[in-house]
């Protein structure tokens, strides 16, 4: 049995949905999804997307 686990994913891969589904089982704890805001601009540049607005939304 594990005491903890880490879910790693890139933006828009469904990791937040996975965390919610795991929490709904009531047997896997209450995982949360976090992201590094400073990485958003790097991903946007790599995928040729427009930069984020100052409020953090795309």
PDB file of N, CA and C in Angstrom:
ATOM      1  N   UNK A   1       0.836  -1.168   0.000  1.00  0.00           N
ATOM      2  CA  UNK A   1       0.000   0.000   0.000  1.00  0.00           C
ATOM      3  C   UNK A   1       0.891   1.244   0.000  1.00  0.00           C
ATOM      4  N   UNK A   2       0.450   2.285  -0.699  1.00  0.00           N
ATOM      5  CA  UNK A   2       1.192   3.528  -0.790  1.00  0.00           C
ATOM      6  C   UNK A   2       0.633   4.557   0.182  1.00  0.00           C
ATOM      7  N   UNK A   3       1.518   5.399   0.700  1.00  0.00           N
ATOM      8  CA  UNK A   3       1.102   6.495   1.578  1.00  0.00           C
ATOM      9  C   UNK A   3       0.757   7.751   0.785  1.00  0.00           C
ATOM     10  N   UNK A   4       1.315   7.866  -0.423  1.00  0.00           N
ATOM     11  CA  UNK A   4       1.109   9.066  -1.231  1.00  0.00           C
ATOM     12  C   UNK A   4       1.330   8.720  -2.699  1.00  0.00           C
ATOM     13  N   UNK A   5       0.880   9.604  -3.559  1.00  0.00           N
ATOM     14  CA  UNK A   5       1.137   9.447  -4.987  1.00  0.00           C
ATOM     15  C   UNK A   5       1.203  10.815  -5.628  1.00  0.00           C
ATOM     16  N   UNK A   6       1.825  10.870  -6.790  1.00  0.00           N
ATOM     17  CA  UNK A   6       1.959  12.107  -7.551  1.00  0.00           C
ATOM     18  C   UNK A   6       1.420  11.850  -8.945  1.00  0.00           C
ATOM     19  N   UNK A   7       0.599  12.768  -9.412  1.00  0.00           N
ATOM     20  CA  UNK A   7       0.072  12.704 -10.776  1.00  0.00           C
ATOM     21  C   UNK A   7       0.741  13.828 -11.548  1.00  0.00           C
ATOM     22  N   UNK A   8       1.435  13.487 -12.600  1.00  0.00           N
ATOM     23  CA  UNK A   8       2.116  14.504 -13.399  1.00  0.00           C
ATOM     24  C   UNK A   8       1.491  14.546 -14.786  1.00  0.00           C
ATOM     25  N   UNK A   9       1.302  15.727 -15.294  1.00  0.00           N
ATOM     26  CA  UNK A   9       0.741  15.877 -16.636  1.00  0.00           C
ATOM     27  C   UNK A   9       1.033  17.264 -17.170  1.00  0.00           C
ATOM     28  N   UNK A  10       0.922  17.408 -18.438  1.00  0.00           N
ATOM     29  CA  UNK A  10       1.086  18.712 -19.059  1.00  0.00           C
ATOM     30  C   UNK A  10      -0.280  19.401 -19.101  1.00  0.00           C
ATOM     31  N   UNK A  11      -0.301  20.704 -19.356  1.00  0.00           N
ATOM     32  CA  UNK A  11      -1.581  21.410 -19.396  1.00  0.00           C
ATOM     33  C   UNK A  11      -2.571  20.777 -20.382  1.00  0.00           C
ATOM     34  N   UNK A  12      -3.828  20.767 -19.987  1.00  0.00           N
ATOM     35  CA  UNK A  12      -4.943  20.308 -20.819  1.00  0.00           C
ATOM     36  C   UNK A  12      -4.891  18.808 -21.120  1.00  0.00           C
ATOM     37  N   UNK A  13      -4.395  17.996 -20.162  1.00  0.00           N
ATOM     38  CA  UNK A  13      -4.343  16.554 -20.378  1.00  0.00           C
ATOM     39  C   UNK A  13      -5.387  15.796 -19.581  1.00  0.00           C
ATOM     40  N   UNK A  14      -6.172  16.510 -18.767  1.00  0.00           N
ATOM     41  CA  UNK A  14      -7.203  15.848 -17.982  1.00  0.00           C
ATOM     42  C   UNK A  14      -6.771  15.502 -16.571  1.00  0.00           C
ATOM     43  N   UNK A  15      -5.637  16.024 -16.118  1.00  0.00           N
ATOM     44  CA  UNK A  15      -5.162  15.682 -14.781  1.00  0.00           C
ATOM     45  C   UNK A  15      -6.097  16.213 -13.686  1.00  0.00           C
ATOM     46  N   UNK A  16      -6.710  17.365 -13.887  1.00  0.00           N
ATOM     47  CA  UNK A  16      -7.661  17.879 -12.892  1.00  0.00           C
ATOM     48  C   UNK A  16      -8.884  16.970 -12.817  1.00  0.00           C
ATOM     49  N   UNK A  17      -9.373  16.531 -13.951  1.00  0.00           N
ATOM     50  CA  UNK A  17     -10.494  15.592 -13.968  1.00  0.00           C
ATOM     51  C   UNK A  17     -10.108  14.296 -13.252  1.00  0.00           C
ATOM     52  N   UNK A  18      -8.907  13.804 -13.510  1.00  0.00           N
ATOM     53  CA  UNK A  18      -8.446  12.587 -12.844  1.00  0.00           C
ATOM     54  C   UNK A  18      -8.420  12.781 -11.332  1.00  0.00           C
ATOM     55  N   UNK A  19      -7.924  13.923 -10.866  1.00  0.00           N
ATOM     56  CA  UNK A  19      -7.902  14.199  -9.427  1.00  0.00           C
ATOM     57  C   UNK A  19      -9.310  14.195  -8.845  1.00  0.00           C
ATOM     58  N   UNK A  20     -10.250  14.805  -9.550  1.00  0.00           N
ATOM     59  CA  UNK A  20     -11.645  14.840  -9.069  1.00  0.00           C
ATOM     60  C   UNK A  20     -12.255  13.445  -9.036  1.00  0.00           C
ATOM     61  N   UNK A  21     -11.970  12.645 -10.054  1.00  0.00           N
ATOM     62  CA  UNK A  21     -12.500  11.275 -10.081  1.00  0.00           C
ATOM     63  C   UNK A  21     -11.906  10.438  -8.949  1.00  0.00           C
ATOM     64  N   UNK A  22     -10.622  10.594  -8.703  1.00  0.00           N
ATOM     65  CA  UNK A  22      -9.997   9.856  -7.600  1.00  0.00           C
ATOM     66  C   UNK A  22     -10.588  10.276  -6.257  1.00  0.00           C
ATOM     67  N   UNK A  23     -10.802  11.578  -6.077  1.00  0.00           N
ATOM     68  CA  UNK A  23     -11.393  12.061  -4.828  1.00  0.00           C
ATOM     69  C   UNK A  23     -12.812  11.516  -4.652  1.00  0.00           C
ATOM     70  N   UNK A  24     -13.540  11.383  -5.754  1.00  0.00           N
ATOM     71  CA  UNK A  24     -14.924  10.892  -5.681  1.00  0.00           C
ATOM     72  C   UNK A  24     -15.003   9.441  -5.220  1.00  0.00           C
ATOM     73  N   UNK A  25     -13.925   8.684  -5.362  1.00  0.00           N
ATOM     74  CA  UNK A  25     -13.952   7.289  -4.916  1.00  0.00           C
ATOM     75  C   UNK A  25     -13.966   7.173  -3.398  1.00  0.00           C
ATOM     76  N   UNK A  26     -13.525   8.248  -2.733  1.00  0.00           N
ATOM     77  CA  UNK A  26     -13.442   8.294  -1.266  1.00  0.00           C
ATOM     78  C   UNK A  26     -12.510   7.235  -0.698  1.00  0.00           C
ATOM     79  N   UNK A  27     -11.644   6.675  -1.541  1.00  0.00           N
ATOM     80  CA  UNK A  27     -10.666   5.696  -1.063  1.00  0.00           C
ATOM     81  C   UNK A  27      -9.242   6.088  -1.429  1.00  0.00           C
ATOM     82  N   UNK A  28      -9.089   7.117  -2.244  1.00  0.00           N
ATOM     83  CA  UNK A  28      -7.757   7.497  -2.724  1.00  0.00           C
ATOM     84  C   UNK A  28      -7.309   8.852  -2.198  1.00  0.00           C
ATOM     85  N   UNK A  29      -7.950   9.331  -1.154  1.00  0.00           N
ATOM     86  CA  UNK A  29      -7.593  10.637  -0.613  1.00  0.00           C
ATOM     87  C   UNK A  29      -8.266  11.751  -1.387  1.00  0.00           C
ATOM     88  N   UNK A  30      -7.705  12.935  -1.269  1.00  0.00           N
ATOM     89  CA  UNK A  30      -8.266  14.114  -1.918  1.00  0.00           C
ATOM     90  C   UNK A  30      -7.154  14.828  -2.688  1.00  0.00           C
ATOM     91  N   UNK A  31      -6.755  14.283  -3.835  1.00  0.00           N
ATOM     92  CA  UNK A  31      -5.663  14.898  -4.591  1.00  0.00           C
ATOM     93  C   UNK A  31      -6.073  16.247  -5.162  1.00  0.00           C
ATOM     94  N   UNK A  32      -5.100  17.098  -5.337  1.00  0.00           N
ATOM     95  CA  UNK A  32      -5.336  18.422  -5.898  1.00  0.00           C
ATOM     96  C   UNK A  32      -4.470  18.615  -7.127  1.00  0.00           C
ATOM     97  N   UNK A  33      -4.890  19.480  -7.995  1.00  0.00           N
ATOM     98  CA  UNK A  33      -4.156  19.792  -9.209  1.00  0.00           C
ATOM     99  C   UNK A  33      -3.498  21.162  -9.062  1.00  0.00           C
ATOM    100  N   UNK A  34      -2.225  21.212  -9.316  1.00  0.00           N
ATOM    101  CA  UNK A  34      -1.467  22.451  -9.241  1.00  0.00           C
ATOM    102  C   UNK A  34      -0.732  22.650 -10.551  1.00  0.00           C
ATOM    103  N   UNK A  35      -0.467  23.878 -10.871  1.00  0.00           N
ATOM    104  CA  UNK A  35       0.351  24.151 -12.048  1.00  0.00           C
ATOM    105  C   UNK A  35       1.258  25.330 -11.730  1.00  0.00           C
ATOM    106  N   UNK A  36       2.322  25.403 -12.499  1.00  0.00           N
ATOM    107  CA  UNK A  36       3.273  26.483 -12.300  1.00  0.00           C
ATOM    108  C   UNK A  36       2.953  27.590 -13.288  1.00  0.00           C
ATOM    109  N   UNK A  37       2.395  28.684 -12.783  1.00  0.00           N
ATOM    110  CA  UNK A  37       1.983  29.797 -13.638  1.00  0.00           C
ATOM    111  C   UNK A  37       3.133  30.270 -14.525  1.00  0.00           C
ATOM    112  N   UNK A  38       4.377  30.228 -14.031  1.00  0.00           N
ATOM    113  CA  UNK A  38       5.502  30.699 -14.825  1.00  0.00           C
ATOM    114  C   UNK A  38       5.755  29.820 -16.052  1.00  0.00           C
ATOM    115  N   UNK A  39       5.240  28.605 -16.074  1.00  0.00           N
ATOM    116  CA  UNK A  39       5.424  27.723 -17.234  1.00  0.00           C
ATOM    117  C   UNK A  39       4.436  28.011 -18.361  1.00  0.00           C
ATOM    118  N   UNK A  40       3.351  28.705 -18.069  1.00  0.00           N
ATOM    119  CA  UNK A  40       2.308  28.942 -19.067  1.00  0.00           C
ATOM    120  C   UNK A  40       2.863  29.668 -20.282  1.00  0.00           C
ATOM    121  N   UNK A  41       3.663  30.698 -20.063  1.00  0.00           N
ATOM    122  CA  UNK A  41       4.209  31.443 -21.200  1.00  0.00           C
ATOM    123  C   UNK A  41       5.167  30.590 -22.025  1.00  0.00           C
ATOM    124  N   UNK A  42       5.918  29.717 -21.378  1.00  0.00           N
ATOM    125  CA  UNK A  42       6.824  28.829 -22.118  1.00  0.00           C
ATOM    126  C   UNK A  42       6.038  27.861 -23.002  1.00  0.00           C
ATOM    127  N   UNK A  43       4.947  27.295 -22.464  1.00  0.00           N
ATOM    128  CA  UNK A  43       4.124  26.381 -23.261  1.00  0.00           C
ATOM    129  C   UNK A  43       3.488  27.128 -24.431  1.00  0.00           C
ATOM    130  N   UNK A  44       2.999  28.330 -24.175  1.00  0.00           N
ATOM    131  CA  UNK A  44       2.367  29.120 -25.237  1.00  0.00           C
ATOM    132  C   UNK A  44       3.363  29.388 -26.360  1.00  0.00           C
ATOM    133  N   UNK A  45       4.587  29.744 -25.987  1.00  0.00           N
ATOM    134  CA  UNK A  45       5.608  30.020 -26.999  1.00  0.00           C
ATOM    135  C   UNK A  45       5.948  28.762 -27.803  1.00  0.00           C
ATOM    136  N   UNK A  46       6.107  27.643 -27.094  1.00  0.00           N
ATOM    137  CA  UNK A  46       6.455  26.389 -27.772  1.00  0.00           C
ATOM    138  C   UNK A  46       5.366  25.944 -28.742  1.00  0.00           C
ATOM    139  N   UNK A  47       4.101  26.181 -28.379  1.00  0.00           N
ATOM    140  CA  UNK A  47       2.987  25.734 -29.219  1.00  0.00           C
ATOM    141  C   UNK A  47       2.458  26.844 -30.117  1.00  0.00           C
ATOM    142  N   UNK A  48       3.207  27.952 -30.209  1.00  0.00           N
ATOM    143  CA  UNK A  48       2.830  29.080 -31.063  1.00  0.00           C
ATOM    144  C   UNK A  48       1.435  29.610 -30.744  1.00  0.00           C
ATOM    145  N   UNK A  49       1.140  29.762 -29.458  1.00  0.00           N
ATOM    146  CA  UNK A  49      -0.133  30.296 -29.008  1.00  0.00           C
ATOM    147  C   UNK A  49       0.056  31.746 -28.565  1.00  0.00           C
ATOM    148  N   UNK A  50      -1.004  32.538 -28.565  1.00  0.00           N
ATOM    149  CA  UNK A  50      -0.861  33.919 -28.083  1.00  0.00           C
ATOM    150  C   UNK A  50      -0.529  33.920 -26.592  1.00  0.00           C
ATOM    151  N   UNK A  51       0.208  34.914 -26.137  1.00  0.00           N
ATOM    152  CA  UNK A  51       0.558  34.975 -24.706  1.00  0.00           C
ATOM    153  C   UNK A  51      -0.692  35.188 -23.852  1.00  0.00           C
ATOM    154  N   UNK A  52      -0.603  34.813 -22.598  1.00  0.00           N
ATOM    155  CA  UNK A  52      -1.718  34.980 -21.659  1.00  0.00           C
ATOM    156  C   UNK A  52      -1.949  36.451 -21.368  1.00  0.00           C
ATOM    157  N   UNK A  53      -3.178  36.761 -21.008  1.00  0.00           N
ATOM    158  CA  UNK A  53      -3.519  38.120 -20.592  1.00  0.00           C
ATOM    159  C   UNK A  53      -2.986  38.347 -19.179  1.00  0.00           C
ATOM    160  N   UNK A  54      -2.883  39.607 -18.751  1.00  0.00           N
ATOM    161  CA  UNK A  54      -2.362  39.899 -17.410  1.00  0.00           C
ATOM    162  C   UNK A  54      -3.139  39.216 -16.284  1.00  0.00           C
ATOM    163  N   UNK A  55      -4.427  38.933 -16.487  1.00  0.00           N
ATOM    164  CA  UNK A  55      -5.205  38.284 -15.438  1.00  0.00           C
ATOM    165  C   UNK A  55      -4.978  36.772 -15.403  1.00  0.00           C
ATOM    166  N   UNK A  56      -4.081  36.278 -16.245  1.00  0.00           N
ATOM    167  CA  UNK A  56      -3.735  34.859 -16.225  1.00  0.00           C
ATOM    168  C   UNK A  56      -4.559  33.996 -17.141  1.00  0.00           C
ATOM    169  N   UNK A  57      -5.618  34.559 -17.738  1.00  0.00           N
ATOM    170  CA  UNK A  57      -6.442  33.763 -18.647  1.00  0.00           C
ATOM    171  C   UNK A  57      -5.854  33.837 -20.052  1.00  0.00           C
ATOM    172  N   UNK A  58      -6.107  32.798 -20.821  1.00  0.00           N
ATOM    173  CA  UNK A  58      -5.575  32.751 -22.201  1.00  0.00           C
ATOM    174  C   UNK A  58      -6.380  33.639 -23.124  1.00  0.00           C
TER     175      UNK A  58
END
